[in-house]
Amino acid sequence: EFESILRQTEQTDFYLSVMNVLLNKIENNRNFYSAIIVKNRNSIALDMLYDSIKKNLQKIVETNNPSIIPSKVVSSFYLGAIFNVCTDWVISDFSIRKEDMVKYITILIKGVKNI
């Protein structure tokens, strides 16, 4: 049981690190991501961005963060949540401070158990 809890803590920290990198990247390249996300909400460009991040994340999960759940499922679950929150953040013109976004997402991810 201890190993399971330890693995879960490591996994949630792993995804929080991924979320932090994504938020920093978006914040540092506001114009680029705004153009993709706001101006192309239902376009292939947004799908391509999501797929690119997902493929990279899945590779990282497969090599660095083994789980009893397939890496494709784990990557889709966390990335879907984080990507949607980040998309809404950009659409709202960054109306929430990045530090607050990190705090809120941390609370949400730490609340997800048994992964």
C-alpha atoms as a PDB file:
ATOM      1  CA  GLU A   1       0.000   0.000   0.000  1.00  0.00           C
ATOM      2  CA  PHE A   2       2.838   2.415   0.829  1.00  0.00           C
ATOM      3  CA  GLU A   3       4.362   1.882  -2.609  1.00  0.00           C
ATOM      4  CA  SER A   4       1.007   2.665  -4.197  1.00  0.00           C
ATOM      5  CA  ILE A   5       0.716   5.935  -2.276  1.00  0.00           C
ATOM      6  CA  LEU A   6       4.316   6.813  -3.058  1.00  0.00           C
ATOM      7  CA  ARG A   7       3.758   6.101  -6.763  1.00  0.00           C
ATOM      8  CA  GLN A   8       0.591   8.184  -6.756  1.00  0.00           C
ATOM      9  CA  THR A   9       2.384  11.124  -5.128  1.00  0.00           C
ATOM     10  CA  GLU A  10       5.168  10.871  -7.671  1.00  0.00           C
ATOM     11  CA  GLN A  11       2.632  10.705 -10.504  1.00  0.00           C
ATOM     12  CA  THR A  12       0.643  13.710  -9.373  1.00  0.00           C
ATOM     13  CA  ASP A  13       3.863  15.674  -8.916  1.00  0.00           C
ATOM     14  CA  PHE A  14       4.892  14.579 -12.395  1.00  0.00           C
ATOM     15  CA  TYR A  15       1.678  15.918 -13.931  1.00  0.00           C
ATOM     16  CA  LEU A  16       1.897  19.100 -11.921  1.00  0.00           C
ATOM     17  CA  SER A  17       5.364  19.609 -13.394  1.00  0.00           C
ATOM     18  CA  VAL A  18       3.961  19.066 -16.883  1.00  0.00           C
ATOM     19  CA  MET A  19       1.186  21.565 -16.145  1.00  0.00           C
ATOM     20  CA  ASN A  20       3.711  24.112 -14.893  1.00  0.00           C
ATOM     21  CA  VAL A  21       5.804  23.777 -18.046  1.00  0.00           C
ATOM     22  CA  LEU A  22       2.704  24.176 -20.230  1.00  0.00           C
ATOM     23  CA  LEU A  23       1.461  27.249 -18.350  1.00  0.00           C
ATOM     24  CA  ASN A  24       4.918  28.854 -18.514  1.00  0.00           C
ATOM     25  CA  LYS A  25       5.185  28.129 -22.219  1.00  0.00           C
ATOM     26  CA  ILE A  26       1.751  29.632 -22.876  1.00  0.00           C
ATOM     27  CA  GLU A  27       2.418  32.684 -20.714  1.00  0.00           C
ATOM     28  CA  ASN A  28       5.805  33.319 -22.351  1.00  0.00           C
ATOM     29  CA  ASN A  29       4.314  32.997 -25.851  1.00  0.00           C
ATOM     30  CA  ARG A  30       0.927  34.635 -25.336  1.00  0.00           C
ATOM     31  CA  ASN A  31       0.539  35.951 -28.874  1.00  0.00           C
ATOM     32  CA  PHE A  32       1.393  32.633 -30.493  1.00  0.00           C
ATOM     33  CA  TYR A  33      -0.952  30.567 -28.325  1.00  0.00           C
ATOM     34  CA  SER A  34      -3.705  33.177 -28.480  1.00  0.00           C
ATOM     35  CA  ALA A  35      -3.563  33.046 -32.263  1.00  0.00           C
ATOM     36  CA  ILE A  36      -3.854  29.262 -32.256  1.00  0.00           C
ATOM     37  CA  ILE A  37      -6.432  28.927 -29.498  1.00  0.00           C
ATOM     38  CA  VAL A  38      -8.641  32.011 -29.772  1.00  0.00           C
ATOM     39  CA  LYS A  39      -8.647  32.508 -33.530  1.00  0.00           C
ATOM     40  CA  ASN A  40      -8.748  28.812 -34.390  1.00  0.00           C
ATOM     41  CA  ARG A  41     -11.007  27.341 -31.706  1.00  0.00           C
ATOM     42  CA  ASN A  42     -12.491  24.585 -33.831  1.00  0.00           C
ATOM     43  CA  SER A  43      -9.678  24.138 -36.286  1.00  0.00           C
ATOM     44  CA  ILE A  44      -7.091  21.606 -37.286  1.00  0.00           C
ATOM     45  CA  ALA A  45      -4.341  23.839 -35.832  1.00  0.00           C
ATOM     46  CA  LEU A  46      -5.683  23.390 -32.306  1.00  0.00           C
ATOM     47  CA  ASP A  47      -6.027  19.636 -32.843  1.00  0.00           C
ATOM     48  CA  MET A  48      -2.452  19.491 -34.099  1.00  0.00           C
ATOM     49  CA  LEU A  49      -1.203  21.358 -31.034  1.00  0.00           C
ATOM     50  CA  TYR A  50      -3.088  18.976 -28.721  1.00  0.00           C
ATOM     51  CA  ASP A  51      -1.879  15.873 -30.582  1.00  0.00           C
ATOM     52  CA  SER A  52       1.721  17.074 -30.530  1.00  0.00           C
ATOM     53  CA  ILE A  53       1.646  17.684 -26.779  1.00  0.00           C
ATOM     54  CA  LYS A  54      -0.140  14.361 -26.211  1.00  0.00           C
ATOM     55  CA  LYS A  55       2.419  12.334 -28.184  1.00  0.00           C
ATOM     56  CA  ASN A  56       5.310  13.934 -26.329  1.00  0.00           C
ATOM     57  CA  LEU A  57       3.615  13.474 -22.970  1.00  0.00           C
ATOM     58  CA  GLN A  58       2.785   9.847 -23.711  1.00  0.00           C
ATOM     59  CA  LYS A  59       6.430   9.104 -24.514  1.00  0.00           C
ATOM     60  CA  ILE A  60       7.509  10.732 -21.252  1.00  0.00           C
ATOM     61  CA  VAL A  61       4.892   8.763 -19.296  1.00  0.00           C
ATOM     62  CA  GLU A  62       5.938   5.471 -20.899  1.00  0.00           C
ATOM     63  CA  THR A  63       9.591   5.933 -19.999  1.00  0.00           C
ATOM     64  CA  ASN A  64       9.512   7.843 -16.719  1.00  0.00           C
ATOM     65  CA  ASN A  65       6.267   7.150 -14.961  1.00  0.00           C
ATOM     66  CA  PRO A  66       5.079   3.560 -15.136  1.00  0.00           C
ATOM     67  CA  SER A  67       1.513   2.875 -14.041  1.00  0.00           C
ATOM     68  CA  ILE A  68      -0.920  -0.010 -13.973  1.00  0.00           C
ATOM     69  CA  ILE A  69      -3.039   2.107 -16.326  1.00  0.00           C
ATOM     70  CA  PRO A  70      -1.864   2.331 -19.966  1.00  0.00           C
ATOM     71  CA  SER A  71       0.137   5.484 -20.680  1.00  0.00           C
ATOM     72  CA  LYS A  72      -2.300   6.481 -23.436  1.00  0.00           C
ATOM     73  CA  VAL A  73      -5.198   6.600 -20.944  1.00  0.00           C
ATOM     74  CA  VAL A  74      -3.204   8.420 -18.271  1.00  0.00           C
ATOM     75  CA  SER A  75      -1.877  10.971 -20.776  1.00  0.00           C
ATOM     76  CA  SER A  76      -5.321  11.615 -22.242  1.00  0.00           C
ATOM     77  CA  PHE A  77      -6.904  12.037 -18.807  1.00  0.00           C
ATOM     78  CA  TYR A  78      -4.447  14.554 -17.411  1.00  0.00           C
ATOM     79  CA  LEU A  79      -3.716  16.353 -20.664  1.00  0.00           C
ATOM     80  CA  GLY A  80      -7.419  16.723 -21.447  1.00  0.00           C
ATOM     81  CA  ALA A  81      -8.029  18.423 -18.128  1.00  0.00           C
ATOM     82  CA  ILE A  82      -4.947  20.615 -18.232  1.00  0.00           C
ATOM     83  CA  PHE A  83      -5.338  21.488 -21.927  1.00  0.00           C
ATOM     84  CA  ASN A  84      -8.969  22.535 -21.479  1.00  0.00           C
ATOM     85  CA  VAL A  85      -8.168  24.671 -18.453  1.00  0.00           C
ATOM     86  CA  CYS A  86      -5.264  26.290 -20.322  1.00  0.00           C
ATOM     87  CA  THR A  87      -7.468  26.865 -23.377  1.00  0.00           C
ATOM     88  CA  ASP A  88     -10.101  28.593 -21.250  1.00  0.00           C
ATOM     89  CA  TRP A  89      -7.334  30.614 -19.598  1.00  0.00           C
ATOM     90  CA  VAL A  90      -6.121  31.898 -22.976  1.00  0.00           C
ATOM     91  CA  ILE A  91      -9.676  32.545 -24.247  1.00  0.00           C
ATOM     92  CA  SER A  92     -10.395  34.596 -21.109  1.00  0.00           C
ATOM     93  CA  ASP A  93      -7.294  36.673 -21.938  1.00  0.00           C
ATOM     94  CA  PHE A  94      -5.391  35.314 -18.941  1.00  0.00           C
ATOM     95  CA  SER A  95      -7.954  36.698 -16.499  1.00  0.00           C
ATOM     96  CA  ILE A  96      -6.576  34.495 -13.706  1.00  0.00           C
ATOM     97  CA  ARG A  97      -3.001  34.933 -12.564  1.00  0.00           C
ATOM     98  CA  LYS A  98      -0.747  32.041 -13.545  1.00  0.00           C
ATOM     99  CA  GLU A  99       0.187  31.431  -9.917  1.00  0.00           C
ATOM    100  CA  ASP A 100      -3.498  31.062  -9.049  1.00  0.00           C
ATOM    101  CA  MET A 101      -4.017  28.681 -11.985  1.00  0.00           C
ATOM    102  CA  VAL A 102      -1.164  26.543 -10.668  1.00  0.00           C
ATOM    103  CA  LYS A 103      -2.727  26.552  -7.202  1.00  0.00           C
ATOM    104  CA  TYR A 104      -6.203  25.597  -8.489  1.00  0.00           C
ATOM    105  CA  ILE A 105      -4.971  22.847 -10.791  1.00  0.00           C
ATOM    106  CA  THR A 106      -2.756  21.487  -8.023  1.00  0.00           C
ATOM    107  CA  ILE A 107      -5.781  21.198  -5.734  1.00  0.00           C
ATOM    108  CA  LEU A 108      -7.768  19.461  -8.477  1.00  0.00           C
ATOM    109  CA  ILE A 109      -5.016  17.014  -9.443  1.00  0.00           C
ATOM    110  CA  LYS A 110      -4.077  16.168  -5.865  1.00  0.00           C
ATOM    111  CA  GLY A 111      -7.766  15.413  -5.317  1.00  0.00           C
ATOM    112  CA  VAL A 112      -7.751  12.735  -8.031  1.00  0.00           C
ATOM    113  CA  LYS A 113      -6.897   9.456  -6.298  1.00  0.00           C
ATOM    114  CA  ASN A 114      -6.034   5.879  -7.191  1.00  0.00           C
ATOM    115  CA  ILE A 115      -4.183   6.471 -10.441  1.00  0.00           C
END
